[in-house]
Amino acid sequence: MELILNGTYHDFILNKIQPLADCEGTLYLFEHQKTGAKLVWMQRKDTNKTFSITFKTTPSDDTGVFHMLEHSVLNGSRKYPVKEPFVELLKSSMQTFLNAFTAPDKTMYPVSSRNDKDFMNLMSVYMDAVFHPAIYTNPNIFYQEGWHYEIRDVKETTDI
């Protein structure tokens, strides 16, 4: 199927098509009509398939709440209610990359695999984790990530 500039695909409008000579591919930039969500797809001859869902998470303070949320969503979801689905994936998946990152202004959940079925499974786990995390039904997941001890007086620690 040939993609057409300004064409609509599953409610995403194709806004840009750009050849990328240095990686022998083509970049496609889409925007979802209803939500404004951006979708970037790079088509190239590579057996390694990569997916990432990324959220803008600009903090208003230095509490680390977005990093705590990153860890919290990695603790089960509606469709995958196990305690640590990502640890299980590391054991059983053929993934070539599996992780999550919190940067100063965004939180990313990237994954890749060379196996089509494994890749689709990994995307399913990631999407359910970020949109239906178990934190909604079990707030203790967030609380366990929020523990923070700070030593204010070295003398106090030696008395323990």
N, C-alpha and C. Protein backbone atom coordinates (compact mmCIF):
# COMPACT_ATOMS: atom_id res chain seq x y z
N MET A 1 0.84 -1.18 0.00
CA MET A 1 0.00 0.00 0.00
C MET A 1 0.89 1.24 0.00
N GLU A 2 0.63 2.12 -0.94
CA GLU A 2 1.40 3.36 -1.01
C GLU A 2 0.71 4.43 -0.16
N LEU A 3 1.47 5.06 0.71
CA LEU A 3 0.93 6.10 1.57
C LEU A 3 0.98 7.44 0.84
N ILE A 4 -0.08 8.22 1.01
CA ILE A 4 -0.22 9.49 0.30
C ILE A 4 -0.20 10.63 1.31
N LEU A 5 0.60 11.65 1.03
CA LEU A 5 0.68 12.83 1.89
C LEU A 5 -0.71 13.41 2.10
N ASN A 6 -1.05 13.75 3.33
CA ASN A 6 -2.36 14.27 3.76
C ASN A 6 -3.46 13.21 3.74
N GLY A 7 -3.09 11.97 3.46
CA GLY A 7 -4.06 10.88 3.51
C GLY A 7 -4.35 10.52 4.96
N THR A 8 -5.49 9.89 5.19
CA THR A 8 -5.90 9.49 6.53
C THR A 8 -5.84 7.97 6.65
N TYR A 9 -5.18 7.51 7.73
CA TYR A 9 -4.98 6.09 7.98
C TYR A 9 -5.31 5.80 9.44
N HIS A 10 -6.42 5.10 9.67
CA HIS A 10 -6.85 4.78 11.05
C HIS A 10 -6.92 6.04 11.90
N ASP A 11 -7.51 7.08 11.36
CA ASP A 11 -7.70 8.38 12.02
C ASP A 11 -6.41 9.17 12.22
N PHE A 12 -5.33 8.76 11.60
CA PHE A 12 -4.07 9.51 11.60
C PHE A 12 -3.89 10.15 10.23
N ILE A 13 -3.54 11.43 10.21
CA ILE A 13 -3.26 12.13 8.96
C ILE A 13 -1.76 12.11 8.72
N LEU A 14 -1.36 11.75 7.51
CA LEU A 14 0.05 11.73 7.14
C LEU A 14 0.48 13.14 6.76
N ASN A 15 1.28 13.78 7.63
CA ASN A 15 1.69 15.16 7.43
C ASN A 15 3.03 15.33 6.72
N LYS A 16 3.87 14.31 6.75
CA LYS A 16 5.21 14.48 6.17
C LYS A 16 5.77 13.14 5.74
N ILE A 17 6.41 13.14 4.58
CA ILE A 17 7.15 11.99 4.08
C ILE A 17 8.55 12.52 3.75
N GLN A 18 9.55 11.90 4.37
CA GLN A 18 10.92 12.40 4.16
C GLN A 18 11.88 11.23 3.94
N PRO A 19 12.55 11.20 2.79
CA PRO A 19 13.57 10.18 2.57
C PRO A 19 14.74 10.40 3.52
N LEU A 20 15.31 9.31 4.03
CA LEU A 20 16.46 9.37 4.93
C LEU A 20 17.59 8.58 4.29
N ALA A 21 18.41 9.26 3.54
CA ALA A 21 19.48 8.60 2.80
C ALA A 21 20.49 7.91 3.71
N ASP A 22 20.82 8.54 4.83
CA ASP A 22 21.86 7.99 5.70
C ASP A 22 21.49 6.65 6.32
N CYS A 23 20.20 6.34 6.45
CA CYS A 23 19.81 5.04 6.99
C CYS A 23 18.98 4.24 5.98
N GLU A 24 19.00 4.70 4.74
CA GLU A 24 18.30 4.01 3.65
C GLU A 24 16.85 3.71 3.99
N GLY A 25 16.13 4.76 4.39
CA GLY A 25 14.73 4.58 4.75
C GLY A 25 13.90 5.80 4.44
N THR A 26 12.67 5.75 4.86
CA THR A 26 11.74 6.86 4.69
C THR A 26 11.03 7.11 6.01
N LEU A 27 10.95 8.37 6.38
CA LEU A 27 10.29 8.77 7.62
C LEU A 27 8.88 9.26 7.29
N TYR A 28 7.91 8.78 8.05
CA TYR A 28 6.52 9.19 7.89
C TYR A 28 6.07 9.81 9.21
N LEU A 29 5.53 11.01 9.16
CA LEU A 29 5.06 11.69 10.37
C LEU A 29 3.54 11.85 10.28
N PHE A 30 2.85 11.25 11.25
CA PHE A 30 1.39 11.28 11.30
C PHE A 30 0.93 12.05 12.53
N GLU A 31 -0.33 12.53 12.48
CA GLU A 31 -0.95 13.13 13.66
C GLU A 31 -2.38 12.61 13.77
N HIS A 32 -2.73 12.17 14.97
CA HIS A 32 -4.08 11.64 15.19
C HIS A 32 -5.07 12.79 15.16
N GLN A 33 -6.15 12.65 14.39
CA GLN A 33 -7.12 13.72 14.20
C GLN A 33 -7.78 14.16 15.51
N LYS A 34 -8.15 13.22 16.35
CA LYS A 34 -8.91 13.55 17.55
C LYS A 34 -8.03 14.01 18.71
N THR A 35 -6.90 13.34 18.92
CA THR A 35 -6.10 13.61 20.12
C THR A 35 -4.86 14.47 19.87
N GLY A 36 -4.43 14.57 18.61
CA GLY A 36 -3.21 15.30 18.31
C GLY A 36 -1.95 14.48 18.58
N ALA A 37 -2.12 13.21 18.95
CA ALA A 37 -0.97 12.33 19.21
C ALA A 37 -0.13 12.21 17.94
N LYS A 38 1.18 12.25 18.13
CA LYS A 38 2.11 12.13 17.00
C LYS A 38 2.51 10.67 16.84
N LEU A 39 2.66 10.25 15.61
CA LEU A 39 3.12 8.91 15.27
C LEU A 39 4.23 9.06 14.25
N VAL A 40 5.38 8.53 14.56
CA VAL A 40 6.51 8.56 13.64
C VAL A 40 6.80 7.12 13.24
N TRP A 41 6.87 6.89 11.95
CA TRP A 41 7.20 5.55 11.45
C TRP A 41 8.36 5.69 10.48
N MET A 42 9.37 4.88 10.70
CA MET A 42 10.50 4.86 9.78
C MET A 42 10.49 3.52 9.06
N GLN A 43 10.29 3.59 7.76
CA GLN A 43 10.29 2.38 6.96
C GLN A 43 11.70 2.17 6.41
N ARG A 44 12.25 1.00 6.70
CA ARG A 44 13.58 0.67 6.18
C ARG A 44 13.77 -0.83 6.18
N LYS A 45 14.79 -1.27 5.49
CA LYS A 45 15.10 -2.70 5.43
C LYS A 45 15.92 -3.06 6.65
N ASP A 46 15.24 -3.48 7.70
CA ASP A 46 15.89 -3.88 8.94
C ASP A 46 15.04 -4.97 9.57
N THR A 47 15.65 -6.07 9.91
CA THR A 47 14.89 -7.16 10.51
C THR A 47 14.52 -6.87 11.96
N ASN A 48 15.17 -5.90 12.58
CA ASN A 48 14.87 -5.54 13.96
C ASN A 48 13.74 -4.52 13.98
N LYS A 49 12.60 -4.90 14.53
CA LYS A 49 11.46 -4.00 14.61
C LYS A 49 11.51 -3.28 15.95
N THR A 50 11.29 -1.98 15.96
CA THR A 50 11.37 -1.19 17.18
C THR A 50 10.10 -0.38 17.35
N PHE A 51 9.65 -0.31 18.58
CA PHE A 51 8.45 0.45 18.95
C PHE A 51 8.75 1.20 20.24
N SER A 52 8.23 2.41 20.33
CA SER A 52 8.30 3.13 21.59
C SER A 52 7.05 3.98 21.74
N ILE A 53 6.50 3.96 22.92
CA ILE A 53 5.44 4.91 23.24
C ILE A 53 6.07 5.89 24.21
N THR A 54 5.92 7.17 23.91
CA THR A 54 6.60 8.23 24.66
C THR A 54 5.59 9.29 25.07
N PHE A 55 5.73 9.75 26.31
CA PHE A 55 4.83 10.77 26.85
C PHE A 55 5.63 12.00 27.28
N LYS A 56 5.08 13.16 27.00
CA LYS A 56 5.67 14.39 27.49
C LYS A 56 5.38 14.46 29.00
N THR A 57 6.43 14.51 29.80
CA THR A 57 6.27 14.52 31.26
C THR A 57 7.19 15.61 31.83
N THR A 58 6.77 16.85 31.66
CA THR A 58 7.56 17.97 32.16
C THR A 58 7.23 18.19 33.63
N PRO A 59 8.21 18.02 34.51
CA PRO A 59 7.94 18.14 35.95
C PRO A 59 7.79 19.59 36.41
N SER A 60 7.06 19.76 37.49
CA SER A 60 6.91 21.08 38.09
C SER A 60 7.75 21.20 39.36
N ASP A 61 8.37 20.09 39.77
CA ASP A 61 9.23 20.11 40.96
C ASP A 61 10.26 18.98 40.83
N ASP A 62 11.06 18.77 41.87
CA ASP A 62 12.12 17.77 41.80
C ASP A 62 11.81 16.51 42.63
N THR A 63 10.54 16.16 42.74
CA THR A 63 10.15 15.00 43.54
C THR A 63 10.40 13.67 42.83
N GLY A 64 10.63 13.71 41.52
CA GLY A 64 10.86 12.47 40.78
C GLY A 64 9.60 11.69 40.48
N VAL A 65 8.45 12.36 40.53
CA VAL A 65 7.17 11.66 40.38
C VAL A 65 7.07 10.92 39.04
N PHE A 66 7.62 11.47 37.97
CA PHE A 66 7.50 10.79 36.68
C PHE A 66 8.37 9.53 36.62
N HIS A 67 9.49 9.56 37.30
CA HIS A 67 10.33 8.35 37.36
C HIS A 67 9.63 7.29 38.21
N MET A 68 8.98 7.73 39.29
CA MET A 68 8.22 6.78 40.10
C MET A 68 7.06 6.19 39.30
N LEU A 69 6.40 7.02 38.50
CA LEU A 69 5.32 6.51 37.66
C LEU A 69 5.84 5.55 36.59
N GLU A 70 7.01 5.84 36.03
CA GLU A 70 7.61 4.92 35.05
C GLU A 70 7.77 3.54 35.67
N HIS A 71 8.32 3.48 36.88
CA HIS A 71 8.49 2.19 37.56
C HIS A 71 7.14 1.58 37.93
N SER A 72 6.19 2.41 38.30
CA SER A 72 4.88 1.92 38.72
C SER A 72 4.14 1.23 37.58
N VAL A 73 4.21 1.78 36.37
CA VAL A 73 3.48 1.15 35.27
C VAL A 73 4.14 -0.15 34.84
N LEU A 74 5.36 -0.37 35.29
CA LEU A 74 6.04 -1.63 34.96
C LEU A 74 5.72 -2.73 35.98
N ASN A 75 4.68 -2.50 36.79
CA ASN A 75 4.30 -3.46 37.83
C ASN A 75 2.90 -4.03 37.59
N GLY A 76 2.65 -4.46 36.39
CA GLY A 76 1.38 -5.11 36.09
C GLY A 76 0.36 -4.18 35.48
N SER A 77 -0.64 -4.78 34.83
CA SER A 77 -1.68 -4.02 34.15
C SER A 77 -2.95 -4.85 34.12
N ARG A 78 -3.99 -4.27 33.54
CA ARG A 78 -5.28 -4.95 33.48
C ARG A 78 -5.19 -6.28 32.74
N LYS A 79 -4.57 -6.28 31.58
CA LYS A 79 -4.47 -7.49 30.76
C LYS A 79 -3.36 -8.43 31.25
N TYR A 80 -2.33 -7.86 31.89
CA TYR A 80 -1.19 -8.64 32.38
C TYR A 80 -1.01 -8.35 33.87
N PRO A 81 -1.82 -9.01 34.73
CA PRO A 81 -1.85 -8.68 36.16
C PRO A 81 -0.73 -9.29 37.00
N VAL A 82 0.36 -9.72 36.39
CA VAL A 82 1.48 -10.26 37.17
C VAL A 82 2.28 -9.11 37.78
N LYS A 83 2.99 -9.39 38.86
CA LYS A 83 3.70 -8.33 39.60
C LYS A 83 4.72 -7.59 38.74
N GLU A 84 5.52 -8.32 38.01
CA GLU A 84 6.56 -7.68 37.20
C GLU A 84 6.58 -8.30 35.80
N PRO A 85 5.65 -7.90 34.93
CA PRO A 85 5.59 -8.51 33.60
C PRO A 85 6.87 -8.30 32.79
N PHE A 86 7.58 -7.22 33.04
CA PHE A 86 8.78 -6.95 32.25
C PHE A 86 9.93 -7.88 32.63
N VAL A 87 9.99 -8.27 33.88
CA VAL A 87 10.98 -9.25 34.31
C VAL A 87 10.67 -10.59 33.63
N GLU A 88 9.39 -10.94 33.56
CA GLU A 88 8.99 -12.17 32.89
C GLU A 88 9.31 -12.12 31.40
N LEU A 89 9.12 -10.95 30.78
CA LEU A 89 9.44 -10.81 29.36
C LEU A 89 10.93 -11.01 29.11
N LEU A 90 11.75 -10.49 30.00
CA LEU A 90 13.20 -10.65 29.84
C LEU A 90 13.59 -12.13 29.83
N LYS A 91 12.83 -12.94 30.57
CA LYS A 91 13.13 -14.38 30.64
C LYS A 91 12.63 -15.14 29.42
N SER A 92 11.49 -14.72 28.87
CA SER A 92 10.83 -15.55 27.86
C SER A 92 10.81 -14.95 26.45
N SER A 93 11.03 -13.67 26.31
CA SER A 93 10.91 -13.01 25.02
C SER A 93 12.20 -13.14 24.21
N MET A 94 12.08 -12.98 22.92
CA MET A 94 13.24 -12.93 22.03
C MET A 94 13.63 -11.48 21.77
N GLN A 95 13.25 -10.61 22.68
CA GLN A 95 13.50 -9.18 22.52
C GLN A 95 14.98 -8.88 22.29
N THR A 96 15.21 -7.82 21.52
CA THR A 96 16.58 -7.33 21.35
C THR A 96 16.80 -6.07 22.17
N PHE A 97 15.69 -5.50 22.67
CA PHE A 97 15.77 -4.36 23.58
C PHE A 97 14.45 -4.28 24.34
N LEU A 98 14.55 -4.01 25.64
CA LEU A 98 13.37 -3.92 26.49
C LEU A 98 13.73 -3.03 27.68
N ASN A 99 13.09 -1.87 27.79
CA ASN A 99 13.44 -0.97 28.87
C ASN A 99 12.43 0.16 28.95
N ALA A 100 12.71 1.10 29.83
CA ALA A 100 11.93 2.33 29.95
C ALA A 100 12.90 3.39 30.47
N PHE A 101 12.62 4.65 30.12
CA PHE A 101 13.49 5.76 30.52
C PHE A 101 12.67 6.96 30.92
N THR A 102 13.15 7.67 31.92
CA THR A 102 12.58 8.97 32.25
C THR A 102 13.66 10.01 31.99
N ALA A 103 13.40 10.89 31.05
CA ALA A 103 14.30 11.99 30.72
C ALA A 103 13.75 13.24 31.41
N PRO A 104 14.46 14.35 31.37
CA PRO A 104 13.96 15.56 32.03
C PRO A 104 12.57 16.02 31.57
N ASP A 105 12.19 15.70 30.33
CA ASP A 105 10.92 16.20 29.82
C ASP A 105 10.02 15.15 29.18
N LYS A 106 10.43 13.88 29.24
CA LYS A 106 9.61 12.83 28.63
C LYS A 106 9.88 11.49 29.30
N THR A 107 8.91 10.58 29.16
CA THR A 107 9.07 9.21 29.63
C THR A 107 8.84 8.30 28.43
N MET A 108 9.79 7.38 28.20
CA MET A 108 9.77 6.54 27.01
C MET A 108 9.75 5.07 27.40
N TYR A 109 9.00 4.30 26.62
CA TYR A 109 8.91 2.87 26.82
C TYR A 109 9.24 2.18 25.49
N PRO A 110 10.54 1.99 25.19
CA PRO A 110 10.94 1.37 23.92
C PRO A 110 11.13 -0.15 24.03
N VAL A 111 10.90 -0.81 22.92
CA VAL A 111 11.06 -2.27 22.85
C VAL A 111 11.40 -2.63 21.41
N SER A 112 12.14 -3.73 21.24
CA SER A 112 12.40 -4.21 19.88
C SER A 112 12.59 -5.73 19.88
N SER A 113 12.34 -6.30 18.71
CA SER A 113 12.50 -7.74 18.52
C SER A 113 12.62 -8.00 17.02
N ARG A 114 13.24 -9.10 16.68
CA ARG A 114 13.34 -9.51 15.27
C ARG A 114 12.20 -10.46 14.89
N ASN A 115 11.50 -10.97 15.88
CA ASN A 115 10.44 -11.94 15.65
C ASN A 115 9.09 -11.21 15.64
N ASP A 116 8.32 -11.36 14.57
CA ASP A 116 7.06 -10.63 14.41
C ASP A 116 6.07 -10.90 15.55
N LYS A 117 5.87 -12.17 15.89
CA LYS A 117 4.90 -12.52 16.94
C LYS A 117 5.36 -11.98 18.29
N ASP A 118 6.63 -12.12 18.59
CA ASP A 118 7.19 -11.61 19.83
C ASP A 118 7.06 -10.08 19.89
N PHE A 119 7.34 -9.43 18.77
CA PHE A 119 7.24 -7.97 18.69
C PHE A 119 5.81 -7.50 18.99
N MET A 120 4.83 -8.15 18.40
CA MET A 120 3.44 -7.77 18.64
C MET A 120 3.05 -8.01 20.10
N ASN A 121 3.54 -9.09 20.69
CA ASN A 121 3.28 -9.38 22.09
C ASN A 121 3.91 -8.30 22.98
N LEU A 122 5.14 -7.93 22.70
CA LEU A 122 5.82 -6.89 23.48
C LEU A 122 5.06 -5.57 23.40
N MET A 123 4.61 -5.21 22.21
CA MET A 123 3.83 -3.97 22.06
C MET A 123 2.54 -4.05 22.86
N SER A 124 1.90 -5.20 22.87
CA SER A 124 0.66 -5.38 23.62
C SER A 124 0.90 -5.16 25.12
N VAL A 125 1.97 -5.75 25.63
CA VAL A 125 2.29 -5.59 27.05
C VAL A 125 2.58 -4.13 27.37
N TYR A 126 3.38 -3.47 26.55
CA TYR A 126 3.72 -2.06 26.80
C TYR A 126 2.49 -1.16 26.74
N MET A 127 1.66 -1.35 25.73
CA MET A 127 0.47 -0.50 25.58
C MET A 127 -0.50 -0.69 26.74
N ASP A 128 -0.69 -1.94 27.17
CA ASP A 128 -1.58 -2.17 28.30
C ASP A 128 -0.97 -1.60 29.58
N ALA A 129 0.34 -1.69 29.71
CA ALA A 129 1.01 -1.15 30.90
C ALA A 129 0.84 0.36 31.01
N VAL A 130 0.97 1.08 29.92
CA VAL A 130 0.89 2.54 30.01
C VAL A 130 -0.54 3.07 30.03
N PHE A 131 -1.48 2.35 29.42
CA PHE A 131 -2.86 2.83 29.40
C PHE A 131 -3.76 2.21 30.45
N HIS A 132 -3.38 1.04 30.98
CA HIS A 132 -4.19 0.36 31.98
C HIS A 132 -3.31 -0.20 33.10
N PRO A 133 -2.48 0.64 33.71
CA PRO A 133 -1.58 0.11 34.75
C PRO A 133 -2.34 -0.34 36.00
N ALA A 134 -1.77 -1.33 36.67
CA ALA A 134 -2.38 -1.85 37.90
C ALA A 134 -2.40 -0.81 39.01
N ILE A 135 -1.66 0.25 38.86
CA ILE A 135 -1.64 1.33 39.86
C ILE A 135 -3.04 1.90 40.09
N TYR A 136 -3.92 1.82 39.09
CA TYR A 136 -5.28 2.34 39.24
C TYR A 136 -6.07 1.54 40.27
N THR A 137 -5.81 0.25 40.35
CA THR A 137 -6.53 -0.60 41.30
C THR A 137 -5.72 -0.90 42.55
N ASN A 138 -4.41 -0.65 42.50
CA ASN A 138 -3.55 -0.90 43.65
C ASN A 138 -2.58 0.27 43.84
N PRO A 139 -3.00 1.32 44.56
CA PRO A 139 -2.13 2.48 44.74
C PRO A 139 -0.85 2.18 45.52
N ASN A 140 -0.81 1.03 46.22
CA ASN A 140 0.42 0.67 46.94
C ASN A 140 1.61 0.50 46.00
N ILE A 141 1.34 0.20 44.73
CA ILE A 141 2.42 0.11 43.74
C ILE A 141 3.16 1.44 43.68
N PHE A 142 2.41 2.54 43.63
CA PHE A 142 3.04 3.86 43.58
C PHE A 142 3.74 4.17 44.90
N TYR A 143 3.09 3.85 46.00
CA TYR A 143 3.68 4.17 47.31
C TYR A 143 5.01 3.45 47.52
N GLN A 144 5.11 2.20 47.04
CA GLN A 144 6.38 1.49 47.21
C GLN A 144 7.50 2.13 46.40
N GLU A 145 7.16 2.76 45.29
CA GLU A 145 8.17 3.44 44.48
C GLU A 145 8.53 4.80 45.07
N GLY A 146 7.67 5.33 45.93
CA GLY A 146 7.87 6.67 46.45
C GLY A 146 8.68 6.77 47.73
N TRP A 147 9.13 5.65 48.27
CA TRP A 147 9.92 5.69 49.50
C TRP A 147 11.22 6.43 49.25
N HIS A 148 11.58 7.26 50.21
CA HIS A 148 12.83 8.01 50.07
C HIS A 148 13.38 8.30 51.46
N TYR A 149 14.58 7.85 51.70
CA TYR A 149 15.24 8.14 52.97
C TYR A 149 16.34 9.14 52.72
N GLU A 150 16.43 10.10 53.62
CA GLU A 150 17.45 11.13 53.48
C GLU A 150 18.19 11.27 54.81
N ILE A 151 19.50 11.16 54.77
CA ILE A 151 20.30 11.31 55.98
C ILE A 151 20.57 12.79 56.18
N ARG A 152 20.07 13.32 57.28
CA ARG A 152 20.26 14.74 57.57
C ARG A 152 21.37 14.97 58.58
N ASP A 153 21.61 13.94 59.41
CA ASP A 153 22.63 14.06 60.44
C ASP A 153 23.32 12.71 60.57
N VAL A 154 24.58 12.65 60.25
CA VAL A 154 25.33 11.40 60.30
C VAL A 154 25.28 10.80 61.70
N LYS A 155 25.29 11.61 62.72
CA LYS A 155 25.27 11.13 64.11
C LYS A 155 24.01 10.29 64.36
N GLU A 156 22.86 10.71 63.82
CA GLU A 156 21.62 9.97 64.01
C GLU A 156 21.71 8.56 63.45
N THR A 157 22.43 8.36 62.34
CA THR A 157 22.53 7.04 61.73
C THR A 157 23.41 6.10 62.53
N THR A 158 24.35 6.63 63.29
CA THR A 158 25.24 5.77 64.07
C THR A 158 24.57 5.30 65.36
N ASP A 159 23.48 5.93 65.77
CA ASP A 159 22.77 5.55 66.98
C ASP A 159 21.79 4.39 66.74
N ILE A 160 21.59 3.99 65.52
CA ILE A 160 20.61 2.95 65.19
C ILE A 160 21.11 1.58 65.55
